[in-house]
Each structure stands twice: as C-alpha cells, then as structure tokens.
Protein backbone atom coordinates (compact mmCIF):
# COMPACT_ATOMS: atom_id res chain seq x y z
CA MET A 1 -2.50 -8.95 -0.08
CA PHE A 2 0.12 -11.97 -1.83
CA ARG A 3 2.65 -11.22 -3.46
CA PRO A 4 3.52 -13.07 -6.39
CA SER A 5 6.28 -15.13 -5.42
CA THR A 6 5.18 -15.77 -1.98
CA LEU A 7 2.76 -17.49 -3.61
CA PHE A 8 4.89 -19.58 -5.96
CA ALA A 9 7.05 -20.40 -3.25
CA GLY A 10 4.32 -21.48 -1.21
CA SER A 11 3.20 -23.75 -4.06
CA VAL A 12 6.44 -25.19 -4.55
CA LEU A 13 6.59 -26.30 -1.60
CA ALA A 14 3.35 -27.48 -1.17
CA ALA A 15 4.24 -29.90 -4.28
CA LEU A 16 7.41 -30.37 -2.82
CA THR A 17 5.70 -31.84 0.92
CA MET A 18 3.40 -33.55 -1.01
CA GLY A 19 6.53 -35.18 -3.28
CA PHE A 20 7.74 -36.53 0.17
CA ALA A 21 4.53 -37.76 1.27
CA LEU A 22 3.98 -39.69 -1.39
CA THR A 23 7.55 -41.42 -1.59
CA THR A 24 8.48 -44.73 -0.59
CA PRO A 25 10.86 -44.80 2.40
CA ALA A 26 13.97 -45.89 0.39
CA SER A 27 13.17 -43.17 -2.44
CA ALA A 28 12.55 -40.87 0.01
CA GLN A 29 16.15 -41.57 2.07
CA THR A 30 17.80 -41.32 -1.09
CA GLN A 31 16.62 -38.13 -2.34
CA SER A 32 17.20 -36.32 1.56
CA ALA A 33 20.68 -36.98 0.75
CA THR A 34 20.85 -35.55 -2.66
CA GLN A 35 20.21 -31.71 -3.18
CA THR A 36 17.03 -31.22 -5.06
CA THR A 37 17.46 -28.56 -7.33
CA THR A 38 14.31 -27.14 -7.04
CA GLN A 39 14.41 -25.83 -3.57
CA ALA A 40 15.68 -22.41 -3.01
CA VAL A 41 17.97 -23.16 -0.15
CA SER A 42 20.22 -26.18 1.66
CA ARG A 43 19.63 -26.99 5.24
CA THR A 44 22.31 -27.87 6.97
CA ALA A 45 23.06 -29.87 9.69
CA ASN A 46 23.43 -28.84 13.02
CA GLY A 47 25.40 -31.30 15.16
CA ALA A 48 23.21 -34.08 13.96
CA GLY A 49 19.81 -32.72 13.73
CA ALA A 50 20.39 -31.47 18.06
CA CYS A 51 17.43 -28.90 18.94
CA ARG A 52 18.68 -25.89 20.64
CA GLN A 53 17.60 -22.44 21.39
CA VAL A 54 17.83 -19.12 20.04
CA GLN A 55 16.41 -15.30 21.31
CA VAL A 56 15.28 -12.50 19.60
CA THR A 57 17.66 -9.98 19.98
CA GLY A 58 15.71 -7.80 17.35
CA ASP A 59 12.83 -4.92 18.87
CA LYS A 60 9.77 -6.84 17.40
CA ILE A 61 10.63 -9.70 14.40
CA ALA A 62 8.55 -11.14 12.06
CA ILE A 63 7.99 -15.38 11.98
CA ARG A 64 7.62 -15.90 8.12
CA ASP A 65 6.74 -18.84 6.28
CA PHE A 66 9.04 -19.22 3.83
CA PRO A 67 12.72 -18.40 3.67
CA PHE A 68 12.73 -14.98 2.51
CA VAL A 69 12.04 -11.39 2.79
CA ASN A 70 8.76 -11.46 1.54
CA GLY A 71 7.49 -14.58 2.68
CA LEU A 72 3.92 -14.48 4.70
CA VAL A 73 3.90 -13.31 8.16
CA VAL A 74 2.91 -15.87 10.70
CA ARG A 75 3.89 -14.49 13.65
CA THR A 76 5.75 -11.74 15.31
CA VAL A 77 7.38 -11.43 18.43
CA ALA A 78 9.38 -8.86 20.10
CA ARG A 79 12.87 -8.89 22.66
CA GLY A 80 14.17 -11.66 24.63
CA THR A 81 11.32 -14.00 23.30
CA VAL A 82 12.80 -17.89 23.47
CA LEU A 83 12.48 -19.88 19.86
CA THR A 84 13.51 -23.64 19.74
CA THR A 85 15.25 -24.76 16.61
CA CYS A 86 16.23 -28.24 14.57
CA GLY A 87 18.03 -26.31 11.82
CA VAL A 88 20.05 -23.56 9.94
CA VAL A 89 19.13 -22.68 6.30
CA ALA A 90 22.01 -21.93 4.22
CA GLY A 91 20.73 -18.90 2.05
CA ASN A 92 21.77 -17.77 -1.51
CA GLY A 93 21.30 -15.19 -3.52
CA SER A 94 17.52 -15.88 -4.21
CA ASN A 95 16.91 -15.97 -0.50
CA SER A 96 19.43 -13.12 1.51
CA TYR A 97 17.99 -10.24 2.86
CA PRO A 98 19.39 -6.94 2.82
CA SER A 99 19.49 -5.65 6.24
CA LYS A 100 17.14 -6.95 9.13
CA CYS A 101 18.12 -6.10 12.39
CA GLY A 102 21.16 -3.78 11.28
CA LEU A 103 22.96 -6.57 9.79
CA ARG A 104 22.82 -8.10 6.12
CA GLY A 105 22.80 -12.16 5.83
CA GLN A 106 21.22 -15.26 4.73
CA SER A 107 21.59 -18.06 6.80
CA TRP A 108 17.90 -17.98 8.15
CA TYR A 109 16.21 -20.65 11.33
CA GLN A 110 13.74 -22.97 11.15
CA VAL A 111 11.91 -22.15 14.65
CA ARG A 112 8.79 -23.37 15.74
CA SER A 113 6.24 -20.40 15.21
CA GLY A 114 3.36 -21.42 17.75
CA ARG A 115 0.93 -21.57 14.53
CA LEU A 116 0.58 -23.07 11.33
CA THR A 117 1.85 -21.93 8.49
CA VAL A 118 -0.24 -21.54 4.53
CA THR A 119 1.59 -25.40 3.91
CA GLY A 120 0.17 -26.21 7.58
CA SER A 121 3.60 -26.72 9.19
CA PRO A 122 4.56 -25.79 12.44
CA TYR A 123 8.05 -24.30 11.64
CA GLY A 124 8.71 -20.47 11.07
CA TYR A 125 11.94 -18.77 9.59
CA VAL A 126 13.62 -15.68 11.44
CA PRO A 127 16.71 -14.41 9.84
CA ALA A 128 19.79 -15.04 11.70
CA THR A 129 21.04 -11.52 12.25
CA CYS A 130 18.30 -11.56 14.71
CA VAL A 131 18.63 -14.30 16.95
CA ARG A 132 21.13 -14.94 19.30
CA VAL A 133 22.00 -18.79 20.20
CA ILE A 134 21.81 -19.33 23.84
C-alpha cells in the first residue's frame, strides 16, 4: 500500500522533473543555481560531481524511491554490495531517520538502484549510516 506522504512526495518530484524538462537551457541553469523551496532536500556537490563507490555495511538495506523513511522500496541489497553514487542529499528535519543501521542521521546517498523508480529515474536513495565510501 502507498502512504499518502509518499504519493505526495512522488507527485511533487514528478512535477519538478517535468518542469525542468520543459525549461530552456538558460532558465534551467538559473534554476539549478538556486534552491527551490518546494524541494524537501538540498543536494550538495561532492568535489565537482565526481562519482564514487559505497559499500553496504548494514545486514540488508532498502534502496528507496525518495530520501524519506517512508519512501517506496525499489530494491533491497545485502551486506557487502557495492553501489555507485554521484551525490549526497543533505537532509533537513523532514527526511531525517531515527535509526538506520543503529545510528541516527539525515543524509542519504543517491545511488544507481538497478531498477526504475516510480518517477522513471534509475536512481534510489540509501541512508548514509548504512554504507561506507570505498
């Protein structure tokens, strides 16, 4: 079953994705330079967008559709799985998690999930406390 907050988050992200796809290149650059207030998270660049690998340290963790505790599970992965990430989503109060892999946190890694999400994206999110950078 879908939770109402997940459906709302999905519709907001889908609307944002469609809005960015329909903009001109000049306005897309200005929109990407400024943070919009409708987004629940802010992305932080990690060294000019360089991609890196993370290894799962939790027993079995879920790759979620959105960086929220109640986001839809796209896929589960076992301990030791290596995932590719190109970004960190720095959380705020709305997407913090009380305890994932024994630790509290609010940052999520955006990883290639291996499956398409509800919005059609090949990316998913894992809690930063459940992985380590290789």
